[in-house]
PDB file of all heavy atoms in Angstrom:
ATOM      1  N   GLU A   1     128.620 153.026 130.483  1.00  0.00           N
ATOM      2  CA  GLU A   1     129.218 153.759 129.339  1.00  0.00           C
ATOM      3  C   GLU A   1     129.961 154.935 129.917  1.00  0.00           C
ATOM      4  O   GLU A   1     129.362 155.794 130.570  1.00  0.00           O
ATOM      5  CB  GLU A   1     128.173 154.095 128.431  1.00  0.00           C
ATOM      6  CG  GLU A   1     128.624 154.934 127.184  1.00  0.00           C
ATOM      7  CD  GLU A   1     127.538 155.416 126.277  1.00  0.00           C
ATOM      8  OE1 GLU A   1     126.354 154.952 126.482  1.00  0.00           O
ATOM      9  OE2 GLU A   1     127.772 156.376 125.526  1.00  0.00           O
ATOM     10  N   ILE A   2     131.247 155.080 129.455  1.00  0.00           N
ATOM     11  CA  ILE A   2     131.993 156.287 129.887  1.00  0.00           C
ATOM     12  C   ILE A   2     133.068 156.567 128.864  1.00  0.00           C
ATOM     13  O   ILE A   2     133.712 155.667 128.358  1.00  0.00           O
ATOM     14  CB  ILE A   2     132.621 156.062 131.326  1.00  0.00           C
ATOM     15  CG1 ILE A   2     133.231 157.395 131.698  1.00  0.00           C
ATOM     16  CG2 ILE A   2     133.529 154.858 131.394  1.00  0.00           C
ATOM     17  CD1 ILE A   2     133.693 157.415 133.251  1.00  0.00           C
ATOM     18  N   GLY A   3     133.287 157.844 128.494  1.00  0.00           N
ATOM     19  CA  GLY A   3     134.291 158.170 127.576  1.00  0.00           C
ATOM     20  C   GLY A   3     135.411 158.910 128.141  1.00  0.00           C
ATOM     21  O   GLY A   3     135.337 159.394 129.299  1.00  0.00           O
ATOM     22  N   ASN A   4     136.606 158.950 127.406  1.00  0.00           N
ATOM     23  CA  ASN A   4     137.743 159.622 127.820  1.00  0.00           C
ATOM     24  C   ASN A   4     138.146 160.699 126.923  1.00  0.00           C
ATOM     25  O   ASN A   4     138.372 160.399 125.722  1.00  0.00           O
ATOM     26  CB  ASN A   4     138.877 158.671 128.096  1.00  0.00           C
ATOM     27  CG  ASN A   4     140.180 159.391 128.623  1.00  0.00           C
ATOM     28  OD1 ASN A   4     140.125 160.419 129.167  1.00  0.00           O
ATOM     29  ND2 ASN A   4     141.282 158.621 128.431  1.00  0.00           N
ATOM     30  N   TRP A   5     138.143 161.999 127.316  1.00  0.00           N
ATOM     31  CA  TRP A   5     138.477 163.055 126.280  1.00  0.00           C
ATOM     32  C   TRP A   5     139.853 163.629 126.745  1.00  0.00           C
ATOM     33  O   TRP A   5     140.304 163.559 127.864  1.00  0.00           O
ATOM     34  CB  TRP A   5     137.425 164.146 126.152  1.00  0.00           C
ATOM     35  CG  TRP A   5     137.170 164.735 127.450  1.00  0.00           C
ATOM     36  CD1 TRP A   5     136.268 164.396 128.448  1.00  0.00           C
ATOM     37  CD2 TRP A   5     137.838 165.904 128.078  1.00  0.00           C
ATOM     38  NE1 TRP A   5     136.232 165.264 129.576  1.00  0.00           N
ATOM     39  CE2 TRP A   5     137.274 166.147 129.414  1.00  0.00           C
ATOM     40  CE3 TRP A   5     138.827 166.742 127.692  1.00  0.00           C
ATOM     41  CZ2 TRP A   5     137.638 167.182 130.198  1.00  0.00           C
ATOM     42  CZ3 TRP A   5     139.284 167.802 128.542  1.00  0.00           C
ATOM     43  CH2 TRP A   5     138.620 168.019 129.747  1.00  0.00           C
ATOM     44  N   ARG A   6     140.538 164.251 125.805  1.00  0.00           N
ATOM     45  CA  ARG A   6     141.776 164.897 126.060  1.00  0.00           C
ATOM     46  C   ARG A   6     141.819 166.291 125.462  1.00  0.00           C
ATOM     47  O   ARG A   6     141.225 166.541 124.338  1.00  0.00           O
ATOM     48  CB  ARG A   6     142.900 164.106 125.461  1.00  0.00           C
ATOM     49  CG  ARG A   6     143.102 162.637 126.113  1.00  0.00           C
ATOM     50  CD  ARG A   6     144.338 161.980 125.704  1.00  0.00           C
ATOM     51  NE  ARG A   6     144.400 160.647 126.260  1.00  0.00           N
ATOM     52  CZ  ARG A   6     144.200 159.452 125.729  1.00  0.00           C
ATOM     53  NH1 ARG A   6     143.946 159.494 124.432  1.00  0.00           N
ATOM     54  NH2 ARG A   6     144.253 158.347 126.390  1.00  0.00           N
ATOM     55  N   GLY A   7     142.492 167.239 126.165  1.00  0.00           N
ATOM     56  CA  GLY A   7     142.509 168.524 125.677  1.00  0.00           C
ATOM     57  C   GLY A   7     143.931 169.183 125.918  1.00  0.00           C
ATOM     58  O   GLY A   7     144.891 168.453 126.290  1.00  0.00           O
ATOM     59  N   VAL A   8     143.943 170.506 125.754  1.00  0.00           N
ATOM     60  CA  VAL A   8     145.232 171.218 125.898  1.00  0.00           C
ATOM     61  C   VAL A   8     144.888 172.555 126.624  1.00  0.00           C
ATOM     62  O   VAL A   8     143.869 173.266 126.301  1.00  0.00           O
ATOM     63  CB  VAL A   8     146.033 171.405 124.587  1.00  0.00           C
ATOM     64  CG1 VAL A   8     145.163 172.183 123.563  1.00  0.00           C
ATOM     65  CG2 VAL A   8     147.379 172.071 124.811  1.00  0.00           C
ATOM     66  N   TYR A   9     145.741 172.879 127.506  1.00  0.00           N
ATOM     67  CA  TYR A   9     145.699 174.219 128.256  1.00  0.00           C
ATOM     68  C   TYR A   9     146.905 174.971 128.099  1.00  0.00           C
ATOM     69  O   TYR A   9     148.066 174.410 127.722  1.00  0.00           O
ATOM     70  CB  TYR A   9     145.552 173.916 129.768  1.00  0.00           C
ATOM     71  CG  TYR A   9     144.106 173.899 130.306  1.00  0.00           C
ATOM     72  CD1 TYR A   9     143.122 173.070 129.707  1.00  0.00           C
ATOM     73  CD2 TYR A   9     143.578 174.729 131.359  1.00  0.00           C
ATOM     74  CE1 TYR A   9     141.791 173.034 130.157  1.00  0.00           C
ATOM     75  CE2 TYR A   9     142.376 174.729 131.817  1.00  0.00           C
ATOM     76  CZ  TYR A   9     141.396 173.898 131.195  1.00  0.00           C
ATOM     77  OH  TYR A   9     140.175 173.968 131.638  1.00  0.00           O
ATOM     78  N   ALA A  10     146.934 176.282 128.304  1.00  0.00           N
ATOM     79  CA  ALA A  10     148.042 177.166 128.231  1.00  0.00           C
ATOM     80  C   ALA A  10     148.370 177.683 129.588  1.00  0.00           C
ATOM     81  O   ALA A  10     147.630 177.324 130.600  1.00  0.00           O
ATOM     82  CB  ALA A  10     147.729 178.239 127.245  1.00  0.00           C
ATOM     83  N   ALA A  11     149.420 178.373 129.670  1.00  0.00           N
ATOM     84  CA  ALA A  11     149.820 178.959 130.994  1.00  0.00           C
ATOM     85  C   ALA A  11     149.033 179.865 131.628  1.00  0.00           C
ATOM     86  O   ALA A  11     148.252 180.491 130.986  1.00  0.00           O
ATOM     87  CB  ALA A  11     151.351 179.541 130.777  1.00  0.00           C
ATOM     88  N   PRO A  12     149.132 180.031 132.974  1.00  0.00           N
ATOM     89  CA  PRO A  12     148.364 181.102 133.704  1.00  0.00           C
ATOM     90  C   PRO A  12     148.915 182.405 133.213  1.00  0.00           C
ATOM     91  O   PRO A  12     150.014 182.690 132.831  1.00  0.00           O
ATOM     92  CB  PRO A  12     148.675 180.920 135.270  1.00  0.00           C
ATOM     93  CG  PRO A  12     149.279 179.459 135.291  1.00  0.00           C
ATOM     94  CD  PRO A  12     149.953 179.244 133.880  1.00  0.00           C
ATOM     95  N   GLY A  13     148.042 183.404 133.257  1.00  0.00           N
ATOM     96  CA  GLY A  13     148.484 184.825 133.093  1.00  0.00           C
ATOM     97  C   GLY A  13     148.721 185.267 131.689  1.00  0.00           C
ATOM     98  O   GLY A  13     149.281 186.391 131.505  1.00  0.00           O
ATOM     99  N   ILE A  14     148.312 184.582 130.728  1.00  0.00           N
ATOM    100  CA  ILE A  14     148.561 184.953 129.284  1.00  0.00           C
ATOM    101  C   ILE A  14     147.432 185.983 128.923  1.00  0.00           C
ATOM    102  O   ILE A  14     146.346 185.884 129.514  1.00  0.00           O
ATOM    103  CB  ILE A  14     148.831 183.865 128.425  1.00  0.00           C
ATOM    104  CG1 ILE A  14     147.361 183.059 128.218  1.00  0.00           C
ATOM    105  CG2 ILE A  14     149.903 183.060 128.677  1.00  0.00           C
ATOM    106  CD1 ILE A  14     147.595 182.076 127.166  1.00  0.00           C
ATOM    107  N   THR A  15     147.734 186.816 127.977  1.00  0.00           N
ATOM    108  CA  THR A  15     146.639 187.790 127.583  1.00  0.00           C
ATOM    109  C   THR A  15     145.582 187.096 126.692  1.00  0.00           C
ATOM    110  O   THR A  15     145.785 186.002 126.099  1.00  0.00           O
ATOM    111  CB  THR A  15     147.262 188.885 126.719  1.00  0.00           C
ATOM    112  OG1 THR A  15     147.649 188.399 125.534  1.00  0.00           O
ATOM    113  CG2 THR A  15     148.421 189.501 127.458  1.00  0.00           C
ATOM    114  N   PRO A  16     144.354 187.689 126.611  1.00  0.00           N
ATOM    115  CA  PRO A  16     143.320 187.119 125.696  1.00  0.00           C
ATOM    116  C   PRO A  16     143.860 187.081 124.288  1.00  0.00           C
ATOM    117  O   PRO A  16     143.413 186.020 123.658  1.00  0.00           O
ATOM    118  CB  PRO A  16     142.216 188.169 125.781  1.00  0.00           C
ATOM    119  CG  PRO A  16     142.330 188.837 127.203  1.00  0.00           C
ATOM    120  CD  PRO A  16     143.831 188.736 127.384  1.00  0.00           C
ATOM    121  N   GLU A  17     144.711 187.915 123.893  1.00  0.00           N
ATOM    122  CA  GLU A  17     145.128 187.815 122.441  1.00  0.00           C
ATOM    123  C   GLU A  17     146.145 186.584 122.314  1.00  0.00           C
ATOM    124  O   GLU A  17     146.092 186.010 121.320  1.00  0.00           O
ATOM    125  CB  GLU A  17     145.933 189.158 122.131  1.00  0.00           C
ATOM    126  CG  GLU A  17     145.001 190.324 122.030  1.00  0.00           C
ATOM    127  CD  GLU A  17     144.636 190.969 123.371  1.00  0.00           C
ATOM    128  OE1 GLU A  17     145.308 190.486 124.400  1.00  0.00           O
ATOM    129  OE2 GLU A  17     143.659 191.698 123.447  1.00  0.00           O
ATOM    130  N   GLN A  18     146.987 186.355 123.329  1.00  0.00           N
ATOM    131  CA  GLN A  18     147.916 185.283 123.372  1.00  0.00           C
ATOM    132  C   GLN A  18     147.090 183.880 123.382  1.00  0.00           C
ATOM    133  O   GLN A  18     147.379 182.996 122.694  1.00  0.00           O
ATOM    134  CB  GLN A  18     148.813 185.296 124.465  1.00  0.00           C
ATOM    135  CG  GLN A  18     149.892 186.461 124.253  1.00  0.00           C
ATOM    136  CD  GLN A  18     150.621 186.746 125.504  1.00  0.00           C
ATOM    137  OE1 GLN A  18     150.260 186.499 126.631  1.00  0.00           O
ATOM    138  NE2 GLN A  18     151.767 187.394 125.327  1.00  0.00           N
ATOM    139  N   ARG A  19     146.058 183.909 124.088  1.00  0.00           N
ATOM    140  CA  ARG A  19     144.967 182.725 124.195  1.00  0.00           C
ATOM    141  C   ARG A  19     144.521 182.482 122.810  1.00  0.00           C
ATOM    142  O   ARG A  19     144.469 181.354 122.400  1.00  0.00           O
ATOM    143  CB  ARG A  19     143.981 182.886 125.199  1.00  0.00           C
ATOM    144  CG  ARG A  19     143.128 181.707 125.239  1.00  0.00           C
ATOM    145  CD  ARG A  19     141.896 181.926 126.216  1.00  0.00           C
ATOM    146  NE  ARG A  19     140.939 180.779 126.120  1.00  0.00           N
ATOM    147  CZ  ARG A  19     139.879 180.726 126.931  1.00  0.00           C
ATOM    148  NH1 ARG A  19     139.566 181.731 127.758  1.00  0.00           N
ATOM    149  NH2 ARG A  19     139.095 179.583 126.831  1.00  0.00           N
ATOM    150  N   LYS A  20     143.988 183.522 122.137  1.00  0.00           N
ATOM    151  CA  LYS A  20     143.394 183.400 120.784  1.00  0.00           C
ATOM    152  C   LYS A  20     144.540 182.742 119.822  1.00  0.00           C
ATOM    153  O   LYS A  20     144.256 181.989 118.961  1.00  0.00           O
ATOM    154  CB  LYS A  20     142.810 184.651 120.308  1.00  0.00           C
ATOM    155  CG  LYS A  20     142.102 184.486 118.988  1.00  0.00           C
ATOM    156  CD  LYS A  20     141.491 185.762 118.491  1.00  0.00           C
ATOM    157  CE  LYS A  20     140.713 185.484 117.249  1.00  0.00           C
ATOM    158  NZ  LYS A  20     141.434 184.841 116.154  1.00  0.00           N
ATOM    159  N   ALA A  21     145.763 183.405 119.880  1.00  0.00           N
ATOM    160  CA  ALA A  21     146.729 182.922 118.957  1.00  0.00           C
ATOM    161  C   ALA A  21     147.074 181.470 119.213  1.00  0.00           C
ATOM    162  O   ALA A  21     147.193 180.687 118.104  1.00  0.00           O
ATOM    163  CB  ALA A  21     147.977 183.781 119.161  1.00  0.00           C
ATOM    164  N   LEU A  22     147.225 181.072 120.518  1.00  0.00           N
ATOM    165  CA  LEU A  22     147.445 179.590 120.655  1.00  0.00           C
ATOM    166  C   LEU A  22     146.362 178.699 120.220  1.00  0.00           C
ATOM    167  O   LEU A  22     146.559 177.653 119.685  1.00  0.00           O
ATOM    168  CB  LEU A  22     147.784 179.376 122.126  1.00  0.00           C
ATOM    169  CG  LEU A  22     149.193 179.885 122.715  1.00  0.00           C
ATOM    170  CD1 LEU A  22     149.173 179.980 124.210  1.00  0.00           C
ATOM    171  CD2 LEU A  22     150.329 178.946 122.119  1.00  0.00           C
ATOM    172  N   THR A  23     145.182 179.171 120.460  1.00  0.00           N
ATOM    173  CA  THR A  23     144.045 178.396 119.959  1.00  0.00           C
ATOM    174  C   THR A  23     143.955 178.287 118.476  1.00  0.00           C
ATOM    175  O   THR A  23     143.705 177.208 117.913  1.00  0.00           O
ATOM    176  CB  THR A  23     142.679 179.180 120.394  1.00  0.00           C
ATOM    177  OG1 THR A  23     142.665 179.372 121.834  1.00  0.00           O
ATOM    178  CG2 THR A  23     141.391 178.303 119.876  1.00  0.00           C
ATOM    179  N   ASP A  24     144.266 179.400 117.711  1.00  0.00           N
ATOM    180  CA  ASP A  24     144.406 179.290 116.240  1.00  0.00           C
ATOM    181  C   ASP A  24     145.451 178.386 115.815  1.00  0.00           C
ATOM    182  O   ASP A  24     145.255 177.663 114.830  1.00  0.00           O
ATOM    183  CB  ASP A  24     144.587 180.816 115.681  1.00  0.00           C
ATOM    184  CG  ASP A  24     143.350 181.725 115.833  1.00  0.00           C
ATOM    185  OD1 ASP A  24     142.332 181.118 115.984  1.00  0.00           O
ATOM    186  OD2 ASP A  24     143.569 182.855 115.747  1.00  0.00           O
ATOM    187  N   MET A  25     146.599 178.333 116.639  1.00  0.00           N
ATOM    188  CA  MET A  25     147.656 177.444 116.310  1.00  0.00           C
ATOM    189  C   MET A  25     147.209 175.921 116.377  1.00  0.00           C
ATOM    190  O   MET A  25     147.490 175.056 115.528  1.00  0.00           O
ATOM    191  CB  MET A  25     148.864 177.739 117.056  1.00  0.00           C
ATOM    192  CG  MET A  25     149.503 179.062 116.768  1.00  0.00           C
ATOM    193  SD  MET A  25     150.747 179.689 117.928  1.00  0.00           S
ATOM    194  CE  MET A  25     152.020 178.460 117.834  1.00  0.00           C
ATOM    195  N   VAL A  26     146.617 175.700 117.455  1.00  0.00           N
ATOM    196  CA  VAL A  26     146.043 174.340 117.659  1.00  0.00           C
ATOM    197  C   VAL A  26     145.068 173.980 116.677  1.00  0.00           C
ATOM    198  O   VAL A  26     145.087 172.855 116.139  1.00  0.00           O
ATOM    199  CB  VAL A  26     145.463 174.135 119.148  1.00  0.00           C
ATOM    200  CG1 VAL A  26     144.714 172.869 119.253  1.00  0.00           C
ATOM    201  CG2 VAL A  26     146.534 174.297 120.273  1.00  0.00           C
ATOM    202  N   LEU A  27     144.077 174.800 116.354  1.00  0.00           N
ATOM    203  CA  LEU A  27     143.170 174.556 115.250  1.00  0.00           C
ATOM    204  C   LEU A  27     143.862 174.231 113.842  1.00  0.00           C
ATOM    205  O   LEU A  27     143.406 173.391 113.117  1.00  0.00           O
ATOM    206  CB  LEU A  27     142.098 175.588 115.101  1.00  0.00           C
ATOM    207  CG  LEU A  27     141.116 175.888 116.280  1.00  0.00           C
ATOM    208  CD1 LEU A  27     140.348 177.098 116.126  1.00  0.00           C
ATOM    209  CD2 LEU A  27     140.290 174.674 116.436  1.00  0.00           C
ATOM    210  N   ALA A  28     145.001 175.039 113.641  1.00  0.00           N
ATOM    211  CA  ALA A  28     145.664 174.752 112.389  1.00  0.00           C
ATOM    212  C   ALA A  28     146.236 173.393 112.422  1.00  0.00           C
ATOM    213  O   ALA A  28     146.298 172.664 111.439  1.00  0.00           O
ATOM    214  CB  ALA A  28     146.771 175.856 112.264  1.00  0.00           C
ATOM    215  N   ALA A  29     146.771 172.963 113.571  1.00  0.00           N
ATOM    216  CA  ALA A  29     147.353 171.574 113.794  1.00  0.00           C
ATOM    217  C   ALA A  29     146.320 170.570 113.455  1.00  0.00           C
ATOM    218  O   ALA A  29     146.630 169.525 112.926  1.00  0.00           O
ATOM    219  CB  ALA A  29     148.028 171.433 115.189  1.00  0.00           C
ATOM    220  N   MET A  30     145.158 170.809 114.018  1.00  0.00           N
ATOM    221  CA  MET A  30     144.135 169.762 113.859  1.00  0.00           C
ATOM    222  C   MET A  30     143.703 169.600 112.274  1.00  0.00           C
ATOM    223  O   MET A  30     143.204 168.586 112.007  1.00  0.00           O
ATOM    224  CB  MET A  30     142.693 170.303 114.492  1.00  0.00           C
ATOM    225  CG  MET A  30     142.773 170.487 115.906  1.00  0.00           C
ATOM    226  SD  MET A  30     143.092 169.022 116.973  1.00  0.00           S
ATOM    227  CE  MET A  30     144.870 169.025 117.223  1.00  0.00           C
ATOM    228  N   LYS A  31     144.107 170.446 111.385  1.00  0.00           N
ATOM    229  CA  LYS A  31     143.769 170.367 109.996  1.00  0.00           C
ATOM    230  C   LYS A  31     145.002 169.742 109.311  1.00  0.00           C
ATOM    231  O   LYS A  31     144.879 169.493 108.012  1.00  0.00           O
ATOM    232  CB  LYS A  31     143.419 171.619 109.398  1.00  0.00           C
ATOM    233  CG  LYS A  31     142.196 172.344 109.968  1.00  0.00           C
ATOM    234  CD  LYS A  31     141.953 173.716 109.451  1.00  0.00           C
ATOM    235  CE  LYS A  31     140.712 174.266 110.120  1.00  0.00           C
ATOM    236  NZ  LYS A  31     140.516 175.631 109.672  1.00  0.00           N
ATOM    237  N   SER A  32     146.137 169.357 109.877  1.00  0.00           N
ATOM    238  CA  SER A  32     147.329 168.929 109.290  1.00  0.00           C
ATOM    239  C   SER A  32     147.161 167.460 108.911  1.00  0.00           C
ATOM    240  O   SER A  32     146.454 166.618 109.550  1.00  0.00           O
ATOM    241  CB  SER A  32     148.551 169.180 110.173  1.00  0.00           C
ATOM    242  OG  SER A  32     148.520 168.263 111.248  1.00  0.00           O
ATOM    243  N   LYS A  33     147.946 167.088 107.985  1.00  0.00           N
ATOM    244  CA  LYS A  33     148.069 165.655 107.473  1.00  0.00           C
ATOM    245  C   LYS A  33     148.565 164.755 108.698  1.00  0.00           C
ATOM    246  O   LYS A  33     148.081 163.644 108.954  1.00  0.00           O
ATOM    247  CB  LYS A  33     149.007 165.449 106.328  1.00  0.00           C
ATOM    248  CG  LYS A  33     149.086 164.001 105.862  1.00  0.00           C
ATOM    249  CD  LYS A  33     150.033 163.966 104.601  1.00  0.00           C
ATOM    250  CE  LYS A  33     150.186 162.587 104.181  1.00  0.00           C
ATOM    251  NZ  LYS A  33     151.186 162.386 103.014  1.00  0.00           N
ATOM    252  N   SER A  34     149.488 165.353 109.373  1.00  0.00           N
ATOM    253  CA  SER A  34     150.104 164.647 110.547  1.00  0.00           C
ATOM    254  C   SER A  34     149.032 164.199 111.513  1.00  0.00           C
ATOM    255  O   SER A  34     148.978 163.094 112.026  1.00  0.00           O
ATOM    256  CB  SER A  34     151.209 165.402 111.142  1.00  0.00           C
ATOM    257  OG  SER A  34     151.656 164.790 112.473  1.00  0.00           O
ATOM    258  N   TRP A  35     148.179 165.146 111.865  1.00  0.00           N
ATOM    259  CA  TRP A  35     147.148 164.973 112.911  1.00  0.00           C
ATOM    260  C   TRP A  35     146.142 163.902 112.319  1.00  0.00           C
ATOM    261  O   TRP A  35     145.733 163.102 113.153  1.00  0.00           O
ATOM    262  CB  TRP A  35     146.428 166.312 113.330  1.00  0.00           C
ATOM    263  CG  TRP A  35     145.502 166.034 114.451  1.00  0.00           C
ATOM    264  CD1 TRP A  35     144.139 166.193 114.335  1.00  0.00           C
ATOM    265  CD2 TRP A  35     145.863 165.834 115.753  1.00  0.00           C
ATOM    266  NE1 TRP A  35     143.533 165.938 115.565  1.00  0.00           N
ATOM    267  CE2 TRP A  35     144.628 165.708 116.510  1.00  0.00           C
ATOM    268  CE3 TRP A  35     147.034 165.566 116.504  1.00  0.00           C
ATOM    269  CZ2 TRP A  35     144.552 165.372 117.905  1.00  0.00           C
ATOM    270  CZ3 TRP A  35     147.030 165.275 117.846  1.00  0.00           C
ATOM    271  CH2 TRP A  35     145.711 165.248 118.505  1.00  0.00           C
ATOM    272  N   ALA A  36     145.687 163.997 111.106  1.00  0.00           N
ATOM    273  CA  ALA A  36     144.870 163.037 110.573  1.00  0.00           C
ATOM    274  C   ALA A  36     145.353 161.635 110.672  1.00  0.00           C
ATOM    275  O   ALA A  36     144.636 160.632 111.027  1.00  0.00           O
ATOM    276  CB  ALA A  36     144.541 163.347 109.140  1.00  0.00           C
ATOM    277  N   GLU A  37     146.735 161.450 110.353  1.00  0.00           N
ATOM    278  CA  GLU A  37     147.396 160.207 110.525  1.00  0.00           C
ATOM    279  C   GLU A  37     147.314 159.652 111.944  1.00  0.00           C
ATOM    280  O   GLU A  37     147.051 158.494 112.229  1.00  0.00           O
ATOM    281  CB  GLU A  37     148.794 160.332 110.020  1.00  0.00           C
ATOM    282  CG  GLU A  37     148.905 160.485 108.495  1.00  0.00           C
ATOM    283  CD  GLU A  37     150.321 160.792 108.048  1.00  0.00           C
ATOM    284  OE1 GLU A  37     151.026 161.112 108.811  1.00  0.00           O
ATOM    285  OE2 GLU A  37     150.494 160.702 106.803  1.00  0.00           O
ATOM    286  N   SER A  38     147.582 160.586 112.900  1.00  0.00           N
ATOM    287  CA  SER A  38     147.548 160.231 114.309  1.00  0.00           C
ATOM    288  C   SER A  38     146.121 159.716 114.784  1.00  0.00           C
ATOM    289  O   SER A  38     146.005 158.750 115.572  1.00  0.00           O
ATOM    290  CB  SER A  38     148.013 161.323 115.157  1.00  0.00           C
ATOM    291  OG  SER A  38     149.379 161.667 114.975  1.00  0.00           O
ATOM    292  N   LEU A  39     145.031 160.445 114.349  1.00  0.00           N
ATOM    293  CA  LEU A  39     143.746 160.036 114.599  1.00  0.00           C
ATOM    294  C   LEU A  39     143.475 158.649 114.131  1.00  0.00           C
ATOM    295  O   LEU A  39     142.923 157.798 114.924  1.00  0.00           O
ATOM    296  CB  LEU A  39     142.732 161.013 113.995  1.00  0.00           C
ATOM    297  CG  LEU A  39     142.676 162.384 114.587  1.00  0.00           C
ATOM    298  CD1 LEU A  39     141.695 163.297 113.696  1.00  0.00           C
ATOM    299  CD2 LEU A  39     142.224 162.381 115.998  1.00  0.00           C
ATOM    300  N   GLU A  40     143.812 158.372 112.915  1.00  0.00           N
ATOM    301  CA  GLU A  40     143.495 157.063 112.391  1.00  0.00           C
ATOM    302  C   GLU A  40     144.397 155.971 113.041  1.00  0.00           C
ATOM    303  O   GLU A  40     143.874 154.900 113.479  1.00  0.00           O
ATOM    304  CB  GLU A  40     143.851 156.957 110.884  1.00  0.00           C
ATOM    305  CG  GLU A  40     143.540 155.694 110.147  1.00  0.00           C
ATOM    306  CD  GLU A  40     143.845 155.618 108.689  1.00  0.00           C
ATOM    307  OE1 GLU A  40     144.136 156.766 108.265  1.00  0.00           O
ATOM    308  OE2 GLU A  40     143.572 154.612 108.061  1.00  0.00           O
ATOM    309  N   LYS A  41     145.714 156.200 113.245  1.00  0.00           N
ATOM    310  CA  LYS A  41     146.594 155.315 113.946  1.00  0.00           C
ATOM    311  C   LYS A  41     146.040 154.876 115.290  1.00  0.00           C
ATOM    312  O   LYS A  41     146.186 153.655 115.774  1.00  0.00           O
ATOM    313  CB  LYS A  41     148.018 155.859 114.000  1.00  0.00           C
ATOM    314  CG  LYS A  41     148.960 154.887 114.673  1.00  0.00           C
ATOM    315  CD  LYS A  41     150.331 155.676 114.832  1.00  0.00           C
ATOM    316  CE  LYS A  41     151.310 154.926 115.736  1.00  0.00           C
ATOM    317  NZ  LYS A  41     152.582 155.588 115.885  1.00  0.00           N
ATOM    318  N   ASN A  42     145.669 155.790 116.171  1.00  0.00           N
ATOM    319  CA  ASN A  42     145.335 155.732 117.476  1.00  0.00           C
ATOM    320  C   ASN A  42     143.837 155.391 117.837  1.00  0.00           C
ATOM    321  O   ASN A  42     143.427 155.155 118.914  1.00  0.00           O
ATOM    322  CB  ASN A  42     145.811 156.847 118.350  1.00  0.00           C
ATOM    323  CG  ASN A  42     147.286 156.944 118.321  1.00  0.00           C
ATOM    324  OD1 ASN A  42     148.132 156.188 118.831  1.00  0.00           O
ATOM    325  ND2 ASN A  42     147.898 158.009 117.705  1.00  0.00           N
TER     326      ASN A  42
END
């Protein structure tokens, strides 16, 4: 039994504030209708 996960990284050297902002953006994307459709389709 083995699973495959996928994630997202940002560039080296960004500030903690920029990291948080990008994280918030990705979390917002996870709540979108488009993402829900991708989860179901794939």
